[in-house]
């Protein structure tokens, strides 16, 4: 019973020393890998972040995993994340696979019901995003887009005829739109 509560100062000292060194190693690797590793997260970034946290916990708590083993695991995960993001910048199908595509939820004041269902977003969430953008009416929104990182963007109706910010966002063809 005593070992469940306290196994001795050696294990506590190991956790403190290895924990500090592993933390410093992880921070150094993240700084070397660049800001993209720490940017807003899409699903791929989230998985890498969880894996890094799990690896850090394993290095801290498992006597079977050395600091060098943990550093190698950090380097592998960050290296793979770097390789995938590097590839996704250069190859469109990899980018779509890793980050997905932005999805239009509202177009010219009309909800795109099919897109809302696929994205599992409610009309109330879209209305909240429109309010946060400072718009009083849904008709003031040219589009509401679910971005690849899970955030919702509102594009205000403008006087110009260009939709530059909506390039790459597909308006679902044949979507049944409901009036606002």
N, C-alpha and C. Protein backbone atom coordinates (compact mmCIF):
# COMPACT_ATOMS: atom_id res chain seq x y z
N UNK A 1 0.83 -1.20 0.00
CA UNK A 1 0.00 0.00 0.00
C UNK A 1 0.87 1.26 0.00
N UNK A 2 1.98 1.19 0.70
CA UNK A 2 2.85 2.36 0.79
C UNK A 2 3.40 2.76 -0.57
N UNK A 3 3.70 1.77 -1.46
CA UNK A 3 4.26 2.08 -2.77
C UNK A 3 3.25 2.76 -3.68
N UNK A 4 1.98 2.61 -3.42
CA UNK A 4 0.98 3.32 -4.21
C UNK A 4 1.04 4.82 -3.96
N UNK A 5 1.36 5.20 -2.74
CA UNK A 5 1.38 6.62 -2.39
C UNK A 5 2.75 7.26 -2.59
N UNK A 6 3.81 6.52 -2.28
CA UNK A 6 5.15 7.09 -2.37
C UNK A 6 6.15 5.97 -2.62
N UNK A 7 6.89 6.10 -3.71
CA UNK A 7 7.84 5.05 -4.09
C UNK A 7 9.28 5.48 -3.82
N UNK A 8 9.45 6.62 -3.25
CA UNK A 8 10.80 7.09 -2.94
C UNK A 8 11.14 8.36 -3.70
N UNK A 9 12.13 9.03 -3.22
CA UNK A 9 12.54 10.31 -3.79
C UNK A 9 13.22 10.16 -5.14
N UNK A 10 13.77 9.00 -5.42
CA UNK A 10 14.46 8.80 -6.70
C UNK A 10 13.49 8.95 -7.86
N UNK A 11 12.30 8.37 -7.76
CA UNK A 11 11.33 8.48 -8.85
C UNK A 11 10.82 9.91 -8.99
N UNK A 12 10.66 10.61 -7.88
CA UNK A 12 10.23 12.00 -7.94
C UNK A 12 11.31 12.85 -8.60
N UNK A 13 12.56 12.63 -8.22
CA UNK A 13 13.68 13.36 -8.80
C UNK A 13 13.80 13.06 -10.30
N UNK A 14 13.61 11.78 -10.69
CA UNK A 14 13.64 11.41 -12.11
C UNK A 14 12.58 12.18 -12.89
N UNK A 15 11.36 12.24 -12.36
CA UNK A 15 10.28 12.95 -13.05
C UNK A 15 10.63 14.43 -13.18
N UNK A 16 11.16 15.03 -12.14
CA UNK A 16 11.50 16.45 -12.20
C UNK A 16 12.60 16.74 -13.21
N UNK A 17 13.65 15.93 -13.20
CA UNK A 17 14.79 16.15 -14.11
C UNK A 17 14.40 15.82 -15.54
N UNK A 18 13.86 14.61 -15.77
CA UNK A 18 13.48 14.19 -17.12
C UNK A 18 12.36 15.08 -17.65
N UNK A 19 11.42 15.45 -16.79
CA UNK A 19 10.32 16.32 -17.21
C UNK A 19 10.82 17.67 -17.69
N UNK A 20 11.71 18.28 -16.94
CA UNK A 20 12.26 19.58 -17.34
C UNK A 20 13.05 19.45 -18.64
N UNK A 21 13.88 18.42 -18.75
CA UNK A 21 14.67 18.23 -19.97
C UNK A 21 13.79 17.90 -21.18
N UNK A 22 12.78 17.06 -20.99
CA UNK A 22 11.87 16.71 -22.09
C UNK A 22 11.08 17.94 -22.53
N UNK A 23 10.65 18.74 -21.57
CA UNK A 23 9.90 19.96 -21.88
C UNK A 23 10.77 20.92 -22.69
N UNK A 24 12.00 21.12 -22.24
CA UNK A 24 12.93 22.00 -22.96
C UNK A 24 13.18 21.46 -24.37
N UNK A 25 13.37 20.15 -24.49
CA UNK A 25 13.60 19.52 -25.80
C UNK A 25 12.40 19.75 -26.71
N UNK A 26 11.21 19.54 -26.20
CA UNK A 26 9.99 19.74 -27.00
C UNK A 26 9.87 21.19 -27.45
N UNK A 27 10.10 22.13 -26.55
CA UNK A 27 10.02 23.56 -26.91
C UNK A 27 11.05 23.89 -27.98
N UNK A 28 12.28 23.39 -27.84
CA UNK A 28 13.32 23.65 -28.85
C UNK A 28 12.90 23.09 -30.21
N UNK A 29 12.40 21.86 -30.24
CA UNK A 29 11.97 21.25 -31.50
C UNK A 29 10.83 22.05 -32.13
N UNK A 30 9.88 22.50 -31.30
CA UNK A 30 8.76 23.28 -31.82
C UNK A 30 9.23 24.63 -32.37
N UNK A 31 10.18 25.25 -31.71
CA UNK A 31 10.72 26.52 -32.20
C UNK A 31 11.47 26.32 -33.51
N UNK A 32 12.22 25.24 -33.61
CA UNK A 32 12.97 24.95 -34.84
C UNK A 32 12.02 24.66 -35.99
N UNK A 33 10.92 23.97 -35.70
CA UNK A 33 10.00 23.55 -36.77
C UNK A 33 9.19 24.71 -37.35
N UNK A 34 9.13 25.82 -36.67
CA UNK A 34 8.47 27.00 -37.24
C UNK A 34 7.08 27.23 -36.69
N UNK A 35 6.54 28.38 -37.03
CA UNK A 35 5.25 28.82 -36.51
C UNK A 35 4.10 27.95 -36.97
N UNK A 36 4.22 27.30 -38.10
CA UNK A 36 3.12 26.49 -38.65
C UNK A 36 2.74 25.38 -37.68
N UNK A 37 3.71 24.86 -36.94
CA UNK A 37 3.43 23.79 -35.99
C UNK A 37 2.51 24.28 -34.88
N UNK A 38 2.57 25.56 -34.58
CA UNK A 38 1.79 26.10 -33.48
C UNK A 38 0.60 26.92 -33.94
N UNK A 39 0.27 26.88 -35.22
CA UNK A 39 -0.81 27.70 -35.75
C UNK A 39 -2.17 27.14 -35.37
N UNK A 40 -3.22 27.83 -35.80
CA UNK A 40 -4.56 27.31 -35.59
C UNK A 40 -4.62 25.88 -36.10
N UNK A 41 -5.31 25.04 -35.37
CA UNK A 41 -5.24 23.62 -35.68
C UNK A 41 -6.37 23.13 -36.55
N UNK A 42 -5.99 22.34 -37.56
CA UNK A 42 -6.97 21.52 -38.26
C UNK A 42 -6.87 20.14 -37.63
N UNK A 43 -7.59 19.18 -38.15
CA UNK A 43 -7.62 17.85 -37.54
C UNK A 43 -6.23 17.22 -37.49
N UNK A 44 -5.45 17.38 -38.55
CA UNK A 44 -4.10 16.81 -38.59
C UNK A 44 -3.22 17.42 -37.50
N UNK A 45 -3.26 18.75 -37.36
CA UNK A 45 -2.46 19.42 -36.34
C UNK A 45 -2.87 18.97 -34.94
N UNK A 46 -4.17 18.78 -34.75
CA UNK A 46 -4.68 18.33 -33.46
C UNK A 46 -4.12 16.96 -33.10
N UNK A 47 -4.10 16.05 -34.06
CA UNK A 47 -3.57 14.71 -33.81
C UNK A 47 -2.09 14.78 -33.44
N UNK A 48 -1.32 15.60 -34.14
CA UNK A 48 0.11 15.74 -33.83
C UNK A 48 0.29 16.31 -32.43
N UNK A 49 -0.52 17.30 -32.07
CA UNK A 49 -0.42 17.92 -30.75
C UNK A 49 -0.74 16.91 -29.65
N UNK A 50 -1.80 16.12 -29.84
CA UNK A 50 -2.15 15.10 -28.85
C UNK A 50 -1.03 14.06 -28.74
N UNK A 51 -0.47 13.67 -29.88
CA UNK A 51 0.62 12.68 -29.87
C UNK A 51 1.85 13.23 -29.14
N UNK A 52 2.15 14.51 -29.35
CA UNK A 52 3.29 15.11 -28.64
C UNK A 52 3.03 15.13 -27.13
N UNK A 53 1.82 15.48 -26.73
CA UNK A 53 1.48 15.48 -25.31
C UNK A 53 1.55 14.10 -24.71
N UNK A 54 1.06 13.12 -25.44
CA UNK A 54 1.12 11.73 -24.97
C UNK A 54 2.57 11.26 -24.83
N UNK A 55 3.39 11.64 -25.79
CA UNK A 55 4.80 11.27 -25.74
C UNK A 55 5.48 11.92 -24.54
N UNK A 56 5.18 13.19 -24.31
CA UNK A 56 5.76 13.88 -23.16
C UNK A 56 5.34 13.19 -21.86
N UNK A 57 4.08 12.82 -21.74
CA UNK A 57 3.61 12.13 -20.53
C UNK A 57 4.30 10.78 -20.37
N UNK A 58 4.49 10.06 -21.46
CA UNK A 58 5.16 8.77 -21.39
C UNK A 58 6.61 8.92 -20.94
N UNK A 59 7.30 9.91 -21.49
CA UNK A 59 8.70 10.16 -21.10
C UNK A 59 8.76 10.52 -19.62
N UNK A 60 7.79 11.32 -19.16
CA UNK A 60 7.78 11.73 -17.76
C UNK A 60 7.54 10.56 -16.81
N UNK A 61 6.60 9.70 -17.14
CA UNK A 61 6.11 8.73 -16.17
C UNK A 61 6.61 7.30 -16.35
N UNK A 62 7.13 6.97 -17.53
CA UNK A 62 7.58 5.60 -17.75
C UNK A 62 9.10 5.51 -17.58
N UNK A 63 9.50 4.67 -16.66
CA UNK A 63 10.94 4.47 -16.43
C UNK A 63 11.58 3.71 -17.59
N UNK A 64 10.75 3.09 -18.42
CA UNK A 64 11.26 2.32 -19.56
C UNK A 64 11.61 3.19 -20.76
N UNK A 65 11.20 4.46 -20.75
CA UNK A 65 11.44 5.35 -21.87
C UNK A 65 12.47 6.40 -21.44
N UNK A 66 13.59 6.41 -22.15
CA UNK A 66 14.66 7.37 -21.82
C UNK A 66 14.38 8.72 -22.45
N UNK A 67 15.11 9.71 -22.00
CA UNK A 67 14.99 11.05 -22.57
C UNK A 67 15.35 11.04 -24.05
N UNK A 68 16.37 10.28 -24.42
CA UNK A 68 16.77 10.20 -25.83
C UNK A 68 15.66 9.55 -26.66
N UNK A 69 15.03 8.51 -26.11
CA UNK A 69 13.90 7.89 -26.81
C UNK A 69 12.77 8.90 -27.02
N UNK A 70 12.48 9.66 -25.97
CA UNK A 70 11.43 10.68 -26.07
C UNK A 70 11.79 11.76 -27.07
N UNK A 71 13.05 12.19 -27.06
CA UNK A 71 13.49 13.21 -28.02
C UNK A 71 13.37 12.68 -29.45
N UNK A 72 13.70 11.41 -29.64
CA UNK A 72 13.57 10.81 -30.98
C UNK A 72 12.10 10.78 -31.40
N UNK A 73 11.22 10.47 -30.46
CA UNK A 73 9.78 10.45 -30.77
C UNK A 73 9.29 11.86 -31.10
N UNK A 74 9.72 12.87 -30.32
CA UNK A 74 9.36 14.26 -30.62
C UNK A 74 9.83 14.64 -32.03
N UNK A 75 11.09 14.31 -32.31
CA UNK A 75 11.66 14.66 -33.62
C UNK A 75 10.90 13.96 -34.75
N UNK A 76 10.54 12.71 -34.54
CA UNK A 76 9.78 11.98 -35.56
C UNK A 76 8.42 12.63 -35.81
N UNK A 77 7.67 12.90 -34.75
CA UNK A 77 6.34 13.50 -34.90
C UNK A 77 6.41 14.88 -35.55
N UNK A 78 7.34 15.70 -35.10
CA UNK A 78 7.47 17.05 -35.66
C UNK A 78 8.00 16.97 -37.09
N UNK A 79 8.92 16.03 -37.35
CA UNK A 79 9.42 15.83 -38.72
C UNK A 79 8.32 15.40 -39.67
N UNK A 80 7.48 14.46 -39.23
CA UNK A 80 6.35 14.03 -40.06
C UNK A 80 5.37 15.18 -40.29
N UNK A 81 5.11 15.96 -39.25
CA UNK A 81 4.22 17.11 -39.40
C UNK A 81 4.80 18.11 -40.40
N UNK A 82 6.11 18.34 -40.32
CA UNK A 82 6.77 19.24 -41.25
C UNK A 82 6.67 18.70 -42.68
N UNK A 83 6.93 17.40 -42.86
CA UNK A 83 6.89 16.79 -44.20
C UNK A 83 5.48 16.87 -44.80
N UNK A 84 4.48 16.60 -43.99
CA UNK A 84 3.11 16.63 -44.49
C UNK A 84 2.70 18.06 -44.84
N UNK A 85 3.03 19.03 -43.97
CA UNK A 85 2.65 20.41 -44.29
C UNK A 85 3.45 20.94 -45.48
N UNK A 86 4.72 20.56 -45.58
CA UNK A 86 5.53 20.96 -46.74
C UNK A 86 4.91 20.41 -48.02
N UNK A 87 4.51 19.14 -47.98
CA UNK A 87 3.88 18.50 -49.14
C UNK A 87 2.52 19.12 -49.45
N UNK A 88 1.77 19.45 -48.42
CA UNK A 88 0.43 19.99 -48.65
C UNK A 88 0.48 21.38 -49.28
N UNK A 89 1.55 22.09 -49.07
CA UNK A 89 1.70 23.40 -49.72
C UNK A 89 1.96 23.22 -51.21
N UNK A 90 2.59 22.13 -51.58
CA UNK A 90 3.00 21.91 -52.96
C UNK A 90 2.08 20.99 -53.77
N UNK A 91 1.31 20.13 -53.10
CA UNK A 91 0.48 19.16 -53.80
C UNK A 91 -0.97 19.31 -53.31
N UNK A 92 -1.85 19.70 -54.24
CA UNK A 92 -3.22 20.04 -53.87
C UNK A 92 -3.98 18.86 -53.26
N UNK A 93 -3.84 17.65 -53.79
CA UNK A 93 -4.61 16.53 -53.25
C UNK A 93 -4.17 16.19 -51.83
N UNK A 94 -2.90 16.40 -51.51
CA UNK A 94 -2.44 16.19 -50.14
C UNK A 94 -3.04 17.26 -49.23
N UNK A 95 -3.07 18.51 -49.70
CA UNK A 95 -3.66 19.60 -48.92
C UNK A 95 -5.12 19.30 -48.61
N UNK A 96 -5.88 18.85 -49.62
CA UNK A 96 -7.30 18.54 -49.39
C UNK A 96 -7.45 17.39 -48.41
N UNK A 97 -6.57 16.38 -48.52
CA UNK A 97 -6.65 15.22 -47.64
C UNK A 97 -6.34 15.61 -46.19
N UNK A 98 -5.34 16.46 -46.00
CA UNK A 98 -4.89 16.80 -44.66
C UNK A 98 -5.77 17.87 -44.02
N UNK A 99 -6.08 18.93 -44.74
CA UNK A 99 -6.79 20.04 -44.13
C UNK A 99 -8.26 20.11 -44.50
N UNK A 100 -8.67 19.41 -45.52
CA UNK A 100 -10.05 19.50 -45.96
C UNK A 100 -10.24 20.76 -46.78
N UNK A 101 -11.48 21.11 -47.02
CA UNK A 101 -11.79 22.31 -47.80
C UNK A 101 -12.76 23.16 -47.00
N UNK A 102 -12.67 24.47 -47.16
CA UNK A 102 -13.67 25.31 -46.50
C UNK A 102 -15.05 25.00 -47.07
N UNK A 103 -16.07 25.14 -46.24
CA UNK A 103 -17.42 24.78 -46.66
C UNK A 103 -18.37 25.96 -46.44
N UNK A 104 -19.04 26.36 -47.50
CA UNK A 104 -19.99 27.46 -47.41
C UNK A 104 -21.27 26.96 -46.73
N UNK A 105 -21.71 27.74 -45.73
CA UNK A 105 -22.89 27.37 -44.95
C UNK A 105 -24.09 28.29 -45.25
N UNK A 106 -23.78 29.51 -45.67
CA UNK A 106 -24.81 30.49 -45.99
C UNK A 106 -24.33 31.26 -47.20
N UNK A 107 -25.20 31.45 -48.17
CA UNK A 107 -24.82 32.17 -49.38
C UNK A 107 -25.90 33.20 -49.70
N UNK A 108 -25.48 34.47 -49.77
CA UNK A 108 -26.40 35.58 -50.07
C UNK A 108 -27.62 35.57 -49.17
N UNK A 109 -27.36 35.38 -47.87
CA UNK A 109 -28.44 35.44 -46.89
C UNK A 109 -29.27 34.19 -46.77
N UNK A 110 -28.94 33.14 -47.51
CA UNK A 110 -29.74 31.91 -47.48
C UNK A 110 -28.91 30.75 -46.93
N UNK A 111 -29.51 30.03 -45.98
CA UNK A 111 -28.84 28.87 -45.41
C UNK A 111 -28.74 27.76 -46.45
N UNK A 112 -27.62 27.08 -46.47
CA UNK A 112 -27.42 25.92 -47.33
C UNK A 112 -27.60 24.68 -46.45
N UNK A 113 -28.82 24.17 -46.45
CA UNK A 113 -29.22 23.13 -45.51
C UNK A 113 -28.35 21.86 -45.62
N UNK A 114 -28.08 21.46 -46.84
CA UNK A 114 -27.27 20.25 -47.04
C UNK A 114 -25.87 20.44 -46.45
N UNK A 115 -25.29 21.60 -46.68
CA UNK A 115 -23.95 21.90 -46.15
C UNK A 115 -23.97 21.97 -44.62
N UNK A 116 -25.02 22.56 -44.06
CA UNK A 116 -25.15 22.64 -42.61
C UNK A 116 -25.20 21.24 -42.00
N UNK A 117 -25.97 20.36 -42.60
CA UNK A 117 -26.08 18.98 -42.08
C UNK A 117 -24.74 18.26 -42.18
N UNK A 118 -24.08 18.38 -43.34
CA UNK A 118 -22.78 17.70 -43.51
C UNK A 118 -21.75 18.20 -42.51
N UNK A 119 -21.78 19.49 -42.24
CA UNK A 119 -20.80 20.10 -41.34
C UNK A 119 -21.21 19.99 -39.87
N UNK A 120 -22.44 19.54 -39.62
CA UNK A 120 -22.99 19.44 -38.28
C UNK A 120 -22.94 20.80 -37.57
N UNK A 121 -23.41 21.81 -38.28
CA UNK A 121 -23.48 23.17 -37.76
C UNK A 121 -24.95 23.59 -37.80
N UNK A 122 -25.38 24.25 -36.74
CA UNK A 122 -26.78 24.68 -36.68
C UNK A 122 -26.94 26.09 -37.25
N UNK A 123 -28.16 26.42 -37.62
CA UNK A 123 -28.46 27.77 -38.09
C UNK A 123 -28.16 28.78 -37.00
N UNK A 124 -28.40 28.41 -35.74
CA UNK A 124 -28.12 29.32 -34.63
C UNK A 124 -26.62 29.64 -34.54
N UNK A 125 -25.77 28.68 -34.81
CA UNK A 125 -24.33 28.94 -34.79
C UNK A 125 -23.93 29.90 -35.91
N UNK A 126 -24.57 29.75 -37.06
CA UNK A 126 -24.30 30.66 -38.17
C UNK A 126 -24.79 32.07 -37.82
N UNK A 127 -25.98 32.15 -37.24
CA UNK A 127 -26.50 33.46 -36.83
C UNK A 127 -25.57 34.13 -35.82
N UNK A 128 -25.04 33.34 -34.89
CA UNK A 128 -24.11 33.88 -33.89
C UNK A 128 -22.85 34.44 -34.56
N UNK A 129 -22.34 33.73 -35.57
CA UNK A 129 -21.16 34.21 -36.29
C UNK A 129 -21.46 35.51 -37.02
N UNK A 130 -22.66 35.61 -37.59
CA UNK A 130 -23.06 36.82 -38.30
C UNK A 130 -23.16 37.99 -37.30
N UNK A 131 -23.72 37.73 -36.13
CA UNK A 131 -23.80 38.79 -35.10
C UNK A 131 -22.40 39.21 -34.65
N UNK A 132 -21.51 38.22 -34.45
CA UNK A 132 -20.14 38.54 -34.04
C UNK A 132 -19.43 39.39 -35.08
N UNK A 133 -19.81 39.24 -36.33
CA UNK A 133 -19.22 40.05 -37.40
C UNK A 133 -19.81 41.46 -37.43
N UNK A 134 -20.78 41.72 -36.55
CA UNK A 134 -21.37 43.05 -36.46
C UNK A 134 -22.48 43.31 -37.45
N UNK A 135 -23.05 42.26 -38.02
CA UNK A 135 -24.12 42.43 -39.00
C UNK A 135 -25.47 42.29 -38.31
N UNK A 136 -26.41 43.12 -38.70
CA UNK A 136 -27.74 43.09 -38.11
C UNK A 136 -28.68 42.14 -38.85
N UNK A 137 -28.38 41.89 -40.12
CA UNK A 137 -29.27 41.09 -40.95
C UNK A 137 -28.47 39.99 -41.65
N UNK A 138 -29.09 38.84 -41.81
CA UNK A 138 -28.45 37.75 -42.54
C UNK A 138 -28.19 38.15 -43.99
N UNK A 139 -29.01 39.04 -44.52
CA UNK A 139 -28.84 39.48 -45.91
C UNK A 139 -27.59 40.34 -46.10
N UNK A 140 -27.02 40.82 -45.01
CA UNK A 140 -25.78 41.59 -45.09
C UNK A 140 -24.57 40.67 -45.27
N UNK A 141 -24.78 39.38 -45.13
CA UNK A 141 -23.69 38.40 -45.28
C UNK A 141 -23.70 37.86 -46.71
N UNK A 142 -22.62 38.09 -47.42
CA UNK A 142 -22.45 37.49 -48.75
C UNK A 142 -22.33 35.97 -48.59
N UNK A 143 -21.54 35.58 -47.56
CA UNK A 143 -21.33 34.16 -47.31
C UNK A 143 -20.88 33.95 -45.87
N UNK A 144 -21.17 32.77 -45.36
CA UNK A 144 -20.63 32.30 -44.10
C UNK A 144 -19.95 30.98 -44.42
N UNK A 145 -18.68 30.87 -44.00
CA UNK A 145 -17.85 29.73 -44.40
C UNK A 145 -17.30 29.04 -43.16
N UNK A 146 -17.44 27.72 -43.11
CA UNK A 146 -16.77 26.92 -42.10
C UNK A 146 -15.36 26.66 -42.61
N UNK A 147 -14.37 27.22 -41.92
CA UNK A 147 -12.98 27.11 -42.36
C UNK A 147 -12.40 25.76 -41.98
N UNK A 148 -11.25 25.44 -42.55
CA UNK A 148 -10.64 24.12 -42.32
C UNK A 148 -10.17 23.92 -40.89
N UNK A 149 -10.00 25.02 -40.14
CA UNK A 149 -9.59 24.89 -38.74
C UNK A 149 -10.79 24.87 -37.79
N UNK A 150 -12.00 24.87 -38.34
CA UNK A 150 -13.21 24.80 -37.53
C UNK A 150 -13.80 26.16 -37.19
N UNK A 151 -13.10 27.23 -37.51
CA UNK A 151 -13.65 28.56 -37.25
C UNK A 151 -14.67 28.91 -38.33
N UNK A 152 -15.52 29.87 -38.03
CA UNK A 152 -16.54 30.30 -38.98
C UNK A 152 -16.24 31.74 -39.39
N UNK A 153 -16.12 31.96 -40.70
CA UNK A 153 -15.85 33.29 -41.25
C UNK A 153 -17.11 33.85 -41.89
N UNK A 154 -17.26 35.16 -41.76
CA UNK A 154 -18.38 35.85 -42.37
C UNK A 154 -17.82 36.83 -43.38
N UNK A 155 -18.30 36.72 -44.63
CA UNK A 155 -17.91 37.65 -45.68
C UNK A 155 -19.08 38.59 -45.89
N UNK A 156 -18.84 39.88 -45.63
CA UNK A 156 -19.91 40.87 -45.74
C UNK A 156 -20.21 41.17 -47.20
N UNK A 157 -21.46 41.49 -47.46
CA UNK A 157 -21.85 41.91 -48.81
C UNK A 157 -21.16 43.23 -49.10
N UNK A 158 -20.50 43.29 -50.26
CA UNK A 158 -19.77 44.50 -50.62
C UNK A 158 -20.31 45.09 -51.90
N UNK A 159 -19.82 46.27 -52.22
CA UNK A 159 -20.27 46.95 -53.43
C UNK A 159 -19.60 46.41 -54.68
N UNK A 160 -18.46 45.71 -54.54
CA UNK A 160 -17.74 45.22 -55.71
C UNK A 160 -18.34 43.95 -56.26
N UNK A 161 -17.89 43.59 -57.45
CA UNK A 161 -18.40 42.38 -58.10
C UNK A 161 -17.46 41.20 -57.96
N UNK A 162 -16.35 41.37 -57.24
CA UNK A 162 -15.39 40.28 -57.12
C UNK A 162 -15.61 39.51 -55.83
N UNK A 163 -15.41 38.23 -55.87
CA UNK A 163 -15.53 37.38 -54.70
C UNK A 163 -14.17 36.76 -54.37
N UNK A 164 -13.10 37.52 -54.45
CA UNK A 164 -11.76 37.00 -54.24
C UNK A 164 -11.58 36.19 -52.98
N UNK A 165 -12.17 36.63 -51.87
CA UNK A 165 -12.00 35.89 -50.62
C UNK A 165 -12.75 34.56 -50.63
N UNK A 166 -13.67 34.39 -51.57
CA UNK A 166 -14.42 33.14 -51.66
C UNK A 166 -13.85 32.18 -52.69
N UNK A 167 -12.74 32.58 -53.34
CA UNK A 167 -12.10 31.66 -54.28
C UNK A 167 -11.69 30.40 -53.53
N UNK A 168 -11.99 29.25 -54.09
CA UNK A 168 -11.66 27.98 -53.46
C UNK A 168 -12.74 27.45 -52.54
N UNK A 169 -13.77 28.26 -52.30
CA UNK A 169 -14.91 27.81 -51.49
C UNK A 169 -16.03 27.50 -52.46
N UNK A 170 -16.46 26.27 -52.45
CA UNK A 170 -17.49 25.86 -53.41
C UNK A 170 -18.87 26.11 -52.84
N UNK A 171 -19.71 26.73 -53.66
CA UNK A 171 -21.12 26.85 -53.33
C UNK A 171 -21.76 25.55 -53.76
N UNK A 172 -22.35 24.82 -52.83
CA UNK A 172 -22.95 23.55 -53.21
C UNK A 172 -23.99 23.72 -54.31
N UNK A 173 -23.82 23.00 -55.40
CA UNK A 173 -24.74 23.08 -56.53
C UNK A 173 -26.01 22.33 -56.15
N UNK A 174 -27.12 22.99 -56.40
CA UNK A 174 -28.41 22.33 -56.14
C UNK A 174 -28.76 22.23 -54.67
N UNK A 175 -28.01 22.93 -53.79
CA UNK A 175 -28.35 22.90 -52.37
C UNK A 175 -29.68 23.57 -52.18
N UNK A 176 -30.49 22.91 -51.36
CA UNK A 176 -31.75 23.55 -51.07
C UNK A 176 -31.49 24.62 -50.03
N UNK A 177 -31.72 25.85 -50.41
CA UNK A 177 -31.49 26.96 -49.49
C UNK A 177 -32.82 27.37 -48.89
N UNK A 178 -32.79 27.64 -47.59
CA UNK A 178 -33.99 28.08 -46.90
C UNK A 178 -33.90 29.58 -46.67
N UNK A 179 -34.97 30.31 -46.85
CA UNK A 179 -34.94 31.74 -46.60
C UNK A 179 -34.62 32.03 -45.14
N UNK A 180 -33.97 33.16 -44.91
CA UNK A 180 -33.60 33.52 -43.53
C UNK A 180 -34.72 34.21 -42.82
